[in-house]
PDB file of N, CA and C in Angstrom:
ATOM      1  N   GLY A   1       0.804  -1.193   0.000  1.00  0.00           N
ATOM      2  CA  GLY A   1       0.000   0.000   0.000  1.00  0.00           C
ATOM      3  C   GLY A   1       0.846   1.254   0.000  1.00  0.00           C
ATOM      4  N   VAL A   2       0.184   2.370  -0.108  1.00  0.00           N
ATOM      5  CA  VAL A   2       0.865   3.667  -0.177  1.00  0.00           C
ATOM      6  C   VAL A   2       1.580   3.992   1.134  1.00  0.00           C
ATOM      7  N   ASP A   3       1.077   3.454   2.245  1.00  0.00           N
ATOM      8  CA  ASP A   3       1.696   3.720   3.541  1.00  0.00           C
ATOM      9  C   ASP A   3       2.807   2.732   3.877  1.00  0.00           C
ATOM     10  N   GLN A   4       2.931   1.678   3.077  1.00  0.00           N
ATOM     11  CA  GLN A   4       3.929   0.645   3.344  1.00  0.00           C
ATOM     12  C   GLN A   4       5.315   1.198   3.042  1.00  0.00           C
ATOM     13  N   PRO A   5       6.267   1.048   3.985  1.00  0.00           N
ATOM     14  CA  PRO A   5       7.614   1.560   3.726  1.00  0.00           C
ATOM     15  C   PRO A   5       8.332   0.767   2.636  1.00  0.00           C
ATOM     16  N   ILE A   6       9.265   1.436   1.986  1.00  0.00           N
ATOM     17  CA  ILE A   6      10.100   0.839   0.945  1.00  0.00           C
ATOM     18  C   ILE A   6      11.413   0.393   1.585  1.00  0.00           C
ATOM     19  N   ALA A   7      11.828  -0.825   1.308  1.00  0.00           N
ATOM     20  CA  ALA A   7      13.136  -1.315   1.742  1.00  0.00           C
ATOM     21  C   ALA A   7      14.018  -1.404   0.507  1.00  0.00           C
ATOM     22  N   LEU A   8      15.199  -0.802   0.584  1.00  0.00           N
ATOM     23  CA  LEU A   8      16.124  -0.812  -0.548  1.00  0.00           C
ATOM     24  C   LEU A   8      17.364  -1.626  -0.227  1.00  0.00           C
ATOM     25  N   VAL A   9      17.720  -2.501  -1.161  1.00  0.00           N
ATOM     26  CA  VAL A   9      18.930  -3.318  -1.072  1.00  0.00           C
ATOM     27  C   VAL A   9      19.691  -3.161  -2.386  1.00  0.00           C
ATOM     28  N   GLU A  10      20.874  -3.761  -2.456  1.00  0.00           N
ATOM     29  CA  GLU A  10      21.658  -3.675  -3.692  1.00  0.00           C
ATOM     30  C   GLU A  10      21.124  -4.593  -4.781  1.00  0.00           C
ATOM     31  N   ALA A  11      20.970  -5.882  -4.468  1.00  0.00           N
ATOM     32  CA  ALA A  11      20.713  -6.895  -5.498  1.00  0.00           C
ATOM     33  C   ALA A  11      19.238  -7.289  -5.597  1.00  0.00           C
ATOM     34  N   PRO A  12      18.755  -7.505  -6.819  1.00  0.00           N
ATOM     35  CA  PRO A  12      17.378  -7.986  -6.992  1.00  0.00           C
ATOM     36  C   PRO A  12      17.109  -9.290  -6.232  1.00  0.00           C
ATOM     37  N   LYS A  13      18.088 -10.208  -6.210  1.00  0.00           N
ATOM     38  CA  LYS A  13      17.925 -11.469  -5.472  1.00  0.00           C
ATOM     39  C   LYS A  13      17.623 -11.191  -4.007  1.00  0.00           C
ATOM     40  N   THR A  14      18.293 -10.223  -3.446  1.00  0.00           N
ATOM     41  CA  THR A  14      18.094  -9.885  -2.039  1.00  0.00           C
ATOM     42  C   THR A  14      16.683  -9.358  -1.816  1.00  0.00           C
ATOM     43  N   ALA A  15      16.201  -8.523  -2.727  1.00  0.00           N
ATOM     44  CA  ALA A  15      14.847  -7.983  -2.607  1.00  0.00           C
ATOM     45  C   ALA A  15      13.810  -9.102  -2.637  1.00  0.00           C
ATOM     46  N   VAL A  16      14.008 -10.070  -3.527  1.00  0.00           N
ATOM     47  CA  VAL A  16      13.054 -11.178  -3.649  1.00  0.00           C
ATOM     48  C   VAL A  16      13.041 -12.022  -2.381  1.00  0.00           C
ATOM     49  N   VAL A  17      14.211 -12.418  -1.898  1.00  0.00           N
ATOM     50  CA  VAL A  17      14.299 -13.265  -0.700  1.00  0.00           C
ATOM     51  C   VAL A  17      13.739 -12.530   0.516  1.00  0.00           C
ATOM     52  N   CYS A  18      14.101 -11.276   0.666  1.00  0.00           N
ATOM     53  CA  CYS A  18      13.695 -10.527   1.858  1.00  0.00           C
ATOM     54  C   CYS A  18      12.201 -10.239   1.897  1.00  0.00           C
ATOM     55  N   SER A  19      11.563 -10.203   0.741  1.00  0.00           N
ATOM     56  CA  SER A  19      10.123  -9.944   0.736  1.00  0.00           C
ATOM     57  C   SER A  19       9.357 -11.049   1.464  1.00  0.00           C
ATOM     58  N   ALA A  20       9.898 -12.262   1.473  1.00  0.00           N
ATOM     59  CA  ALA A  20       9.256 -13.363   2.200  1.00  0.00           C
ATOM     60  C   ALA A  20       9.503 -13.252   3.708  1.00  0.00           C
ATOM     61  N   TYR A  21      10.659 -12.742   4.095  1.00  0.00           N
ATOM     62  CA  TYR A  21      11.009 -12.620   5.511  1.00  0.00           C
ATOM     63  C   TYR A  21      10.394 -11.386   6.165  1.00  0.00           C
ATOM     64  N   PHE A  22      10.298 -10.300   5.421  1.00  0.00           N
ATOM     65  CA  PHE A  22       9.821  -9.028   5.967  1.00  0.00           C
ATOM     66  C   PHE A  22       8.736  -8.443   5.061  1.00  0.00           C
ATOM     67  N   PRO A  23       7.539  -9.033   5.073  1.00  0.00           N
ATOM     68  CA  PRO A  23       6.480  -8.583   4.164  1.00  0.00           C
ATOM     69  C   PRO A  23       5.910  -7.210   4.504  1.00  0.00           C
ATOM     70  N   GLN A  24       6.312  -6.639   5.622  1.00  0.00           N
ATOM     71  CA  GLN A  24       5.822  -5.306   5.978  1.00  0.00           C
ATOM     72  C   GLN A  24       6.437  -4.218   5.097  1.00  0.00           C
ATOM     73  N   PHE A  25       7.468  -4.580   4.313  1.00  0.00           N
ATOM     74  CA  PHE A  25       8.123  -3.647   3.393  1.00  0.00           C
ATOM     75  C   PHE A  25       7.790  -3.995   1.943  1.00  0.00           C
ATOM     76  N   ILE A  26       7.890  -3.013   1.080  1.00  0.00           N
ATOM     77  CA  ILE A  26       7.946  -3.228  -0.366  1.00  0.00           C
ATOM     78  C   ILE A  26       9.429  -3.232  -0.703  1.00  0.00           C
ATOM     79  N   TRP A  27       9.953  -4.338  -1.203  1.00  0.00           N
ATOM     80  CA  TRP A  27      11.392  -4.505  -1.420  1.00  0.00           C
ATOM     81  C   TRP A  27      11.780  -4.122  -2.846  1.00  0.00           C
ATOM     82  N   LEU A  28      12.793  -3.276  -2.958  1.00  0.00           N
ATOM     83  CA  LEU A  28      13.337  -2.853  -4.245  1.00  0.00           C
ATOM     84  C   LEU A  28      14.854  -2.948  -4.201  1.00  0.00           C
ATOM     85  N   ALA A  29      15.465  -3.108  -5.369  1.00  0.00           N
ATOM     86  CA  ALA A  29      16.924  -3.166  -5.474  1.00  0.00           C
ATOM     87  C   ALA A  29      17.421  -1.996  -6.314  1.00  0.00           C
ATOM     88  N   VAL A  30      18.559  -1.420  -5.901  1.00  0.00           N
ATOM     89  CA  VAL A  30      19.151  -0.321  -6.672  1.00  0.00           C
ATOM     90  C   VAL A  30      20.164  -0.821  -7.691  1.00  0.00           C
ATOM     91  N   GLY A  31      20.639  -2.054  -7.559  1.00  0.00           N
ATOM     92  CA  GLY A  31      21.537  -2.626  -8.555  1.00  0.00           C
ATOM     93  C   GLY A  31      22.990  -2.672  -8.154  1.00  0.00           C
ATOM     94  N   ALA A  32      23.463  -1.702  -7.384  1.00  0.00           N
ATOM     95  CA  ALA A  32      24.865  -1.684  -6.930  1.00  0.00           C
ATOM     96  C   ALA A  32      25.005  -0.656  -5.813  1.00  0.00           C
ATOM     97  N   LEU A  33      26.019  -0.828  -5.003  1.00  0.00           N
ATOM     98  CA  LEU A  33      26.270   0.067  -3.869  1.00  0.00           C
ATOM     99  C   LEU A  33      26.302   1.530  -4.305  1.00  0.00           C
ATOM    100  N   SER A  34      26.964   1.802  -5.427  1.00  0.00           N
ATOM    101  CA  SER A  34      27.158   3.185  -5.873  1.00  0.00           C
ATOM    102  C   SER A  34      25.941   3.784  -6.570  1.00  0.00           C
ATOM    103  N   TYR A  35      24.894   2.985  -6.822  1.00  0.00           N
ATOM    104  CA  TYR A  35      23.729   3.479  -7.557  1.00  0.00           C
ATOM    105  C   TYR A  35      22.736   4.234  -6.672  1.00  0.00           C
ATOM    106  N   LEU A  36      22.953   4.234  -5.379  1.00  0.00           N
ATOM    107  CA  LEU A  36      22.031   4.911  -4.470  1.00  0.00           C
ATOM    108  C   LEU A  36      22.246   6.415  -4.555  1.00  0.00           C
ATOM    109  N   GLY A  37      21.205   7.155  -4.877  1.00  0.00           N
ATOM    110  CA  GLY A  37      21.319   8.602  -4.952  1.00  0.00           C
ATOM    111  C   GLY A  37      19.981   9.235  -5.287  1.00  0.00           C
ATOM    112  N   ALA A  38      19.930  10.549  -5.199  1.00  0.00           N
ATOM    113  CA  ALA A  38      18.689  11.286  -5.402  1.00  0.00           C
ATOM    114  C   ALA A  38      18.091  11.040  -6.779  1.00  0.00           C
ATOM    115  N   GLY A  39      18.920  10.930  -7.804  1.00  0.00           N
ATOM    116  CA  GLY A  39      18.414  10.717  -9.148  1.00  0.00           C
ATOM    117  C   GLY A  39      17.581   9.462  -9.272  1.00  0.00           C
ATOM    118  N   ARG A  40      18.078   8.380  -8.713  1.00  0.00           N
ATOM    119  CA  ARG A  40      17.355   7.109  -8.792  1.00  0.00           C
ATOM    120  C   ARG A  40      16.202   7.034  -7.795  1.00  0.00           C
ATOM    121  N   LEU A  41      16.306   7.768  -6.694  1.00  0.00           N
ATOM    122  CA  LEU A  41      15.285   7.667  -5.656  1.00  0.00           C
ATOM    123  C   LEU A  41      14.187   8.726  -5.772  1.00  0.00           C
ATOM    124  N   ALA A  42      14.267   9.584  -6.762  1.00  0.00           N
ATOM    125  CA  ALA A  42      13.272  10.659  -6.912  1.00  0.00           C
ATOM    126  C   ALA A  42      11.830  10.158  -6.854  1.00  0.00           C
ATOM    127  N   PRO A  43      11.487   9.024  -7.490  1.00  0.00           N
ATOM    128  CA  PRO A  43      10.099   8.551  -7.403  1.00  0.00           C
ATOM    129  C   PRO A  43       9.667   8.170  -5.976  1.00  0.00           C
ATOM    130  N   LEU A  44      10.641   7.972  -5.082  1.00  0.00           N
ATOM    131  CA  LEU A  44      10.337   7.573  -3.706  1.00  0.00           C
ATOM    132  C   LEU A  44      10.402   8.744  -2.731  1.00  0.00           C
ATOM    133  N   ARG A  45      10.513   9.926  -3.244  1.00  0.00           N
ATOM    134  CA  ARG A  45      10.713  11.115  -2.410  1.00  0.00           C
ATOM    135  C   ARG A  45       9.670  11.250  -1.301  1.00  0.00           C
ATOM    136  N   HIS A  46       8.434  10.866  -1.572  1.00  0.00           N
ATOM    137  CA  HIS A  46       7.368  11.043  -0.588  1.00  0.00           C
ATOM    138  C   HIS A  46       6.992   9.736   0.119  1.00  0.00           C
ATOM    139  N   ARG A  47       7.893   8.758   0.041  1.00  0.00           N
ATOM    140  CA  ARG A  47       7.681   7.474   0.722  1.00  0.00           C
ATOM    141  C   ARG A  47       8.685   7.345   1.854  1.00  0.00           C
ATOM    142  N   ARG A  48       8.346   6.505   2.831  1.00  0.00           N
ATOM    143  CA  ARG A  48       9.290   6.175   3.890  1.00  0.00           C
ATOM    144  C   ARG A  48      10.211   5.088   3.348  1.00  0.00           C
ATOM    145  N   VAL A  49      11.522   5.298   3.409  1.00  0.00           N
ATOM    146  CA  VAL A  49      12.505   4.385   2.824  1.00  0.00           C
ATOM    147  C   VAL A  49      13.487   3.932   3.906  1.00  0.00           C
ATOM    148  N   VAL A  50      13.769   2.629   3.920  1.00  0.00           N
ATOM    149  CA  VAL A  50      14.770   2.068   4.826  1.00  0.00           C
ATOM    150  C   VAL A  50      15.816   1.368   3.965  1.00  0.00           C
ATOM    151  N   LEU A  51      17.065   1.715   4.166  1.00  0.00           N
ATOM    152  CA  LEU A  51      18.169   1.119   3.417  1.00  0.00           C
ATOM    153  C   LEU A  51      18.744  -0.070   4.183  1.00  0.00           C
ATOM    154  N   PHE A  52      19.065  -1.128   3.463  1.00  0.00           N
ATOM    155  CA  PHE A  52      19.686  -2.320   4.039  1.00  0.00           C
ATOM    156  C   PHE A  52      20.976  -2.594   3.258  1.00  0.00           C
ATOM    157  N   PRO A  53      22.076  -1.908   3.600  1.00  0.00           N
ATOM    158  CA  PRO A  53      23.330  -2.109   2.860  1.00  0.00           C
ATOM    159  C   PRO A  53      23.928  -3.485   3.121  1.00  0.00           C
ATOM    160  N   ASP A  54      24.694  -3.956   2.136  1.00  0.00           N
ATOM    161  CA  ASP A  54      25.441  -5.201   2.284  1.00  0.00           C
ATOM    162  C   ASP A  54      26.497  -5.021   3.364  1.00  0.00           C
ATOM    163  N   LEU A  55      27.009  -6.141   3.844  1.00  0.00           N
ATOM    164  CA  LEU A  55      28.137  -6.098   4.771  1.00  0.00           C
ATOM    165  C   LEU A  55      29.422  -5.814   4.008  1.00  0.00           C
ATOM    166  N   SER A  56      30.387  -5.244   4.693  1.00  0.00           N
ATOM    167  CA  SER A  56      31.734  -5.080   4.147  1.00  0.00           C
ATOM    168  C   SER A  56      32.703  -5.283   5.303  1.00  0.00           C
ATOM    169  N   PRO A  57      33.911  -5.775   5.006  1.00  0.00           N
ATOM    170  CA  PRO A  57      34.859  -6.085   6.083  1.00  0.00           C
ATOM    171  C   PRO A  57      35.122  -4.908   7.026  1.00  0.00           C
ATOM    172  N   ASP A  58      35.156  -3.712   6.471  1.00  0.00           N
ATOM    173  CA  ASP A  58      35.487  -2.530   7.270  1.00  0.00           C
ATOM    174  C   ASP A  58      34.282  -1.640   7.571  1.00  0.00           C
ATOM    175  N   GLY A  59      33.087  -2.099   7.226  1.00  0.00           N
ATOM    176  CA  GLY A  59      31.888  -1.302   7.471  1.00  0.00           C
ATOM    177  C   GLY A  59      31.687  -0.159   6.495  1.00  0.00           C
ATOM    178  N   SER A  60      32.475  -0.127   5.410  1.00  0.00           N
ATOM    179  CA  SER A  60      32.413   1.008   4.477  1.00  0.00           C
ATOM    180  C   SER A  60      31.083   1.095   3.732  1.00  0.00           C
ATOM    181  N   ALA A  61      30.457  -0.045   3.428  1.00  0.00           N
ATOM    182  CA  ALA A  61      29.169  -0.015   2.720  1.00  0.00           C
ATOM    183  C   ALA A  61      28.106   0.638   3.599  1.00  0.00           C
ATOM    184  N   PHE A  62      28.085   0.270   4.869  1.00  0.00           N
ATOM    185  CA  PHE A  62      27.131   0.866   5.816  1.00  0.00           C
ATOM    186  C   PHE A  62      27.377   2.369   5.942  1.00  0.00           C
ATOM    187  N   ARG A  63      28.639   2.756   6.074  1.00  0.00           N
ATOM    188  CA  ARG A  63      28.972   4.188   6.200  1.00  0.00           C
ATOM    189  C   ARG A  63      28.592   4.960   4.941  1.00  0.00           C
ATOM    190  N   ARG A  64      28.861   4.372   3.788  1.00  0.00           N
ATOM    191  CA  ARG A  64      28.562   5.059   2.528  1.00  0.00           C
ATOM    192  C   ARG A  64      27.064   5.318   2.392  1.00  0.00           C
ATOM    193  N   TRP A  65      26.255   4.282   2.638  1.00  0.00           N
ATOM    194  CA  TRP A  65      24.807   4.468   2.515  1.00  0.00           C
ATOM    195  C   TRP A  65      24.274   5.374   3.621  1.00  0.00           C
ATOM    196  N   SER A  66      24.912   5.357   4.795  1.00  0.00           N
ATOM    197  CA  SER A  66      24.500   6.265   5.878  1.00  0.00           C
ATOM    198  C   SER A  66      24.752   7.716   5.485  1.00  0.00           C
ATOM    199  N   GLN A  67      25.897   7.981   4.856  1.00  0.00           N
ATOM    200  CA  GLN A  67      26.199   9.349   4.396  1.00  0.00           C
ATOM    201  C   GLN A  67      25.221   9.784   3.320  1.00  0.00           C
ATOM    202  N   THR A  68      24.911   8.885   2.395  1.00  0.00           N
ATOM    203  CA  THR A  68      23.946   9.202   1.340  1.00  0.00           C
ATOM    204  C   THR A  68      22.575   9.480   1.949  1.00  0.00           C
ATOM    205  N   ALA A  69      22.180   8.666   2.930  1.00  0.00           N
ATOM    206  CA  ALA A  69      20.887   8.865   3.593  1.00  0.00           C
ATOM    207  C   ALA A  69      20.836  10.233   4.268  1.00  0.00           C
ATOM    208  N   GLN A  70      21.922  10.639   4.909  1.00  0.00           N
ATOM    209  CA  GLN A  70      21.957  11.964   5.559  1.00  0.00           C
ATOM    210  C   GLN A  70      21.778  13.071   4.540  1.00  0.00           C
ATOM    211  N   GLN A  71      22.434  12.945   3.388  1.00  0.00           N
ATOM    212  CA  GLN A  71      22.290  13.951   2.329  1.00  0.00           C
ATOM    213  C   GLN A  71      20.848  13.998   1.823  1.00  0.00           C
ATOM    214  N   LEU A  72      20.236  12.829   1.650  1.00  0.00           N
ATOM    215  CA  LEU A  72      18.860  12.766   1.161  1.00  0.00           C
ATOM    216  C   LEU A  72      17.876  13.311   2.194  1.00  0.00           C
ATOM    217  N   GLN A  73      18.163  13.103   3.469  1.00  0.00           N
ATOM    218  CA  GLN A  73      17.319  13.675   4.520  1.00  0.00           C
ATOM    219  C   GLN A  73      17.306  15.196   4.431  1.00  0.00           C
ATOM    220  N   VAL A  74      18.464  15.779   4.169  1.00  0.00           N
ATOM    221  CA  VAL A  74      18.569  17.237   4.013  1.00  0.00           C
ATOM    222  C   VAL A  74      17.699  17.707   2.841  1.00  0.00           C
ATOM    223  N   GLU A  75      17.589  16.852   1.809  1.00  0.00           N
ATOM    224  CA  GLU A  75      16.782  17.189   0.632  1.00  0.00           C
ATOM    225  C   GLU A  75      15.301  16.861   0.823  1.00  0.00           C
ATOM    226  N   GLY A  76      14.927  16.424   2.028  1.00  0.00           N
ATOM    227  CA  GLY A  76      13.524  16.198   2.331  1.00  0.00           C
ATOM    228  C   GLY A  76      13.042  14.763   2.251  1.00  0.00           C
ATOM    229  N   TYR A  77      13.955  13.819   2.016  1.00  0.00           N
ATOM    230  CA  TYR A  77      13.569  12.410   1.966  1.00  0.00           C
ATOM    231  C   TYR A  77      13.368  11.862   3.380  1.00  0.00           C
ATOM    232  N   SER A  78      12.418  10.950   3.526  1.00  0.00           N
ATOM    233  CA  SER A  78      12.218  10.222   4.779  1.00  0.00           C
ATOM    234  C   SER A  78      12.963   8.900   4.634  1.00  0.00           C
ATOM    235  N   ILE A  79      14.239   8.907   4.984  1.00  0.00           N
ATOM    236  CA  ILE A  79      15.101   7.759   4.701  1.00  0.00           C
ATOM    237  C   ILE A  79      15.999   7.464   5.900  1.00  0.00           C
ATOM    238  N   THR A  80      16.091   6.182   6.235  1.00  0.00           N
ATOM    239  CA  THR A  80      16.944   5.744   7.337  1.00  0.00           C
ATOM    240  C   THR A  80      17.753   4.536   6.863  1.00  0.00           C
ATOM    241  N   VAL A  81      18.748   4.166   7.657  1.00  0.00           N
ATOM    242  CA  VAL A  81      19.584   3.010   7.347  1.00  0.00           C
ATOM    243  C   VAL A  81      19.415   1.986   8.461  1.00  0.00           C
ATOM    244  N   SER A  82      19.088   0.763   8.085  1.00  0.00           N
ATOM    245  CA  SER A  82      18.945  -0.309   9.065  1.00  0.00           C
ATOM    246  C   SER A  82      20.315  -0.828   9.487  1.00  0.00           C
ATOM    247  N   ASP A  83      20.461  -1.078  10.791  1.00  0.00           N
ATOM    248  CA  ASP A  83      21.695  -1.689  11.286  1.00  0.00           C
ATOM    249  C   ASP A  83      21.486  -3.182  11.561  1.00  0.00           C
ATOM    250  N   TYR A  84      20.438  -3.751  10.963  1.00  0.00           N
ATOM    251  CA  TYR A  84      20.100  -5.157  11.185  1.00  0.00           C
ATOM    252  C   TYR A  84      21.314  -6.072  10.976  1.00  0.00           C
ATOM    253  N   LEU A  85      21.976  -5.932   9.840  1.00  0.00           N
ATOM    254  CA  LEU A  85      23.149  -6.779   9.569  1.00  0.00           C
ATOM    255  C   LEU A  85      24.349  -6.368  10.412  1.00  0.00           C
ATOM    256  N   GLU A  86      24.560  -5.073  10.541  1.00  0.00           N
ATOM    257  CA  GLU A  86      25.732  -4.580  11.279  1.00  0.00           C
ATOM    258  C   GLU A  86      25.748  -5.082  12.720  1.00  0.00           C
ATOM    259  N   THR A  87      24.575  -5.211  13.331  1.00  0.00           N
ATOM    260  CA  THR A  87      24.520  -5.616  14.737  1.00  0.00           C
ATOM    261  C   THR A  87      24.472  -7.126  14.926  1.00  0.00           C
ATOM    262  N   ARG A  88      24.270  -7.890  13.855  1.00  0.00           N
ATOM    263  CA  ARG A  88      24.129  -9.339  13.975  1.00  0.00           C
ATOM    264  C   ARG A  88      25.274 -10.140  13.361  1.00  0.00           C
ATOM    265  N   ALA A  89      25.940  -9.592  12.383  1.00  0.00           N
ATOM    266  CA  ALA A  89      26.924 -10.361  11.621  1.00  0.00           C
ATOM    267  C   ALA A  89      28.242 -10.534  12.361  1.00  0.00           C
ATOM    268  N   GLY A  90      28.860 -11.669  12.094  1.00  0.00           N
ATOM    269  CA  GLY A  90      30.173 -11.947  12.642  1.00  0.00           C
ATOM    270  C   GLY A  90      31.268 -11.565  11.655  1.00  0.00           C
ATOM    271  N   ALA A  91      32.526 -11.757  12.075  1.00  0.00           N
ATOM    272  CA  ALA A  91      33.678 -11.357  11.262  1.00  0.00           C
ATOM    273  C   ALA A  91      33.709 -12.082   9.910  1.00  0.00           C
ATOM    274  N   GLN A  92      33.400 -13.373   9.901  1.00  0.00           N
ATOM    275  CA  GLN A  92      33.428 -14.133   8.635  1.00  0.00           C
ATOM    276  C   GLN A  92      32.375 -13.603   7.665  1.00  0.00           C
ATOM    277  N   GLU A  93      31.198 -13.286   8.187  1.00  0.00           N
ATOM    278  CA  GLU A  93      30.120 -12.780   7.333  1.00  0.00           C
ATOM    279  C   GLU A  93      30.475 -11.414   6.761  1.00  0.00           C
ATOM    280  N   ARG A  94      31.139 -10.601   7.586  1.00  0.00           N
ATOM    281  CA  ARG A  94      31.591  -9.285   7.107  1.00  0.00           C
ATOM    282  C   ARG A  94      32.654  -9.445   6.022  1.00  0.00           C
ATOM    283  N   GLN A  95      33.608 -10.337   6.287  1.00  0.00           N
ATOM    284  CA  GLN A  95      34.702 -10.560   5.336  1.00  0.00           C
ATOM    285  C   GLN A  95      34.156 -11.035   3.992  1.00  0.00           C
ATOM    286  N   ALA A  96      33.110 -11.844   4.030  1.00  0.00           N
ATOM    287  CA  ALA A  96      32.509 -12.380   2.802  1.00  0.00           C
ATOM    288  C   ALA A  96      31.622 -11.348   2.105  1.00  0.00           C
ATOM    289  N   GLY A  97      31.321 -10.233   2.784  1.00  0.00           N
ATOM    290  CA  GLY A  97      30.483  -9.195   2.183  1.00  0.00           C
ATOM    291  C   GLY A  97      29.056  -9.655   1.938  1.00  0.00           C
ATOM    292  N   LEU A  98      28.523 -10.438   2.886  1.00  0.00           N
ATOM    293  CA  LEU A  98      27.174 -10.964   2.713  1.00  0.00           C
ATOM    294  C   LEU A  98      26.148  -9.840   2.599  1.00  0.00           C
ATOM    295  N   ASP A  99      25.080 -10.139   1.881  1.00  0.00           N
ATOM    296  CA  ASP A  99      23.940  -9.226   1.880  1.00  0.00           C
ATOM    297  C   ASP A  99      22.871  -9.826   2.787  1.00  0.00           C
ATOM    298  N   LEU A 100      21.769  -9.117   2.945  1.00  0.00           N
ATOM    299  CA  LEU A 100      20.736  -9.557   3.876  1.00  0.00           C
ATOM    300  C   LEU A 100      20.181 -10.934   3.495  1.00  0.00           C
ATOM    301  N   ALA A 101      19.998 -11.200   2.208  1.00  0.00           N
ATOM    302  CA  ALA A 101      19.493 -12.508   1.780  1.00  0.00           C
ATOM    303  C   ALA A 101      20.477 -13.616   2.145  1.00  0.00           C
ATOM    304  N   ASP A 102      21.768 -13.400   1.883  1.00  0.00           N
ATOM    305  CA  ASP A 102      22.789 -14.396   2.239  1.00  0.00           C
ATOM    306  C   ASP A 102      22.733 -14.692   3.737  1.00  0.00           C
ATOM    307  N   TYR A 103      22.625 -13.621   4.530  1.00  0.00           N
ATOM    308  CA  TYR A 103      22.601 -13.771   5.983  1.00  0.00           C
ATOM    309  C   TYR A 103      21.373 -14.564   6.420  1.00  0.00           C
ATOM    310  N   LEU A 104      20.205 -14.189   5.927  1.00  0.00           N
ATOM    311  CA  LEU A 104      18.964 -14.865   6.323  1.00  0.00           C
ATOM    312  C   LEU A 104      18.977 -16.331   5.910  1.00  0.00           C
ATOM    313  N   LEU A 105      19.415 -16.606   4.683  1.00  0.00           N
ATOM    314  CA  LEU A 105      19.458 -17.991   4.213  1.00  0.00           C
ATOM    315  C   LEU A 105      20.491 -18.802   4.988  1.00  0.00           C
ATOM    316  N   GLY A 106      21.554 -18.143   5.433  1.00  0.00           N
ATOM    317  CA  GLY A 106      22.565 -18.823   6.245  1.00  0.00           C
ATOM    318  C   GLY A 106      22.048 -19.228   7.612  1.00  0.00           C
ATOM    319  N   GLN A 107      21.004 -18.549   8.090  1.00  0.00           N
ATOM    320  CA  GLN A 107      20.409 -18.887   9.389  1.00  0.00           C
ATOM    321  C   GLN A 107      19.367 -20.002   9.271  1.00  0.00           C
ATOM    322  N   TRP A 108      19.002 -20.353   8.045  1.00  0.00           N
ATOM    323  CA  TRP A 108      17.943 -21.318   7.784  1.00  0.00           C
ATOM    324  C   TRP A 108      18.475 -22.731   7.928  1.00  0.00           C
ATOM    325  N   ARG A 109      18.062 -23.429   8.965  1.00  0.00           N
ATOM    326  CA  ARG A 109      18.459 -24.830   9.143  1.00  0.00           C
ATOM    327  C   ARG A 109      17.795 -25.661   8.051  1.00  0.00           C
ATOM    328  N   GLY A 110      18.583 -26.480   7.373  1.00  0.00           N
ATOM    329  CA  GLY A 110      18.043 -27.305   6.313  1.00  0.00           C
ATOM    330  C   GLY A 110      17.976 -26.606   4.965  1.00  0.00           C
ATOM    331  N   TYR A 111      18.553 -25.416   4.888  1.00  0.00           N
ATOM    332  CA  TYR A 111      18.611 -24.675   3.623  1.00  0.00           C
ATOM    333  C   TYR A 111      19.284 -25.550   2.568  1.00  0.00           C
ATOM    334  N   PRO A 112      18.636 -25.755   1.425  1.00  0.00           N
ATOM    335  CA  PRO A 112      19.216 -26.647   0.392  1.00  0.00           C
ATOM    336  C   PRO A 112      20.520 -26.085  -0.186  1.00  0.00           C
ATOM    337  N   PRO A 113      21.645 -26.758   0.074  1.00  0.00           N
ATOM    338  CA  PRO A 113      22.930 -26.220  -0.379  1.00  0.00           C
ATOM    339  C   PRO A 113      23.029 -26.058  -1.891  1.00  0.00           C
ATOM    340  N   ASP A 114      22.273 -26.876  -2.663  1.00  0.00           N
ATOM    341  CA  ASP A 114      22.372 -26.768  -4.116  1.00  0.00           C
ATOM    342  C   ASP A 114      21.749 -25.467  -4.649  1.00  0.00           C
ATOM    343  N   TRP A 115      21.026 -24.714  -3.793  1.00  0.00           N
ATOM    344  CA  TRP A 115      20.498 -23.415  -4.213  1.00  0.00           C
ATOM    345  C   TRP A 115      21.625 -22.420  -4.485  1.00  0.00           C
ATOM    346  N   ASP A 116      22.786 -22.675  -3.915  1.00  0.00           N
ATOM    347  CA  ASP A 116      23.917 -21.746  -4.092  1.00  0.00           C
ATOM    348  C   ASP A 116      24.687 -22.011  -5.386  1.00  0.00           C
ATOM    349  N   LEU A 117      24.334 -23.036  -6.116  1.00  0.00           N
ATOM    350  CA  LEU A 117      25.079 -23.359  -7.343  1.00  0.00           C
ATOM    351  C   LEU A 117      24.749 -22.410  -8.472  1.00  0.00           C
TER     352      LEU A 117
END
């Protein structure tokens, strides 16, 4: 619905997987870490947006999207950055640069390993 918040991730695969885990959001993908910006987000200007950046070994992806979110807030966007992965992931997951879908599927007991092929 119109009141449903938008969740933004990098990869389309992540948006698809996460829509099953968090149906309270409308999941969209921007395509790459560097694609997040006012130009691409203009259609969402009047929506509530939550960013879910991928993990990075040094936290740079989270920082980058946080800085972009701050700039967009100044321009009037209702946008925040989720720390869901940052507060839950371990060193190996950070080193691997997992995204939210990778993390969620990794927590799934009995997850079919051949899905990763």
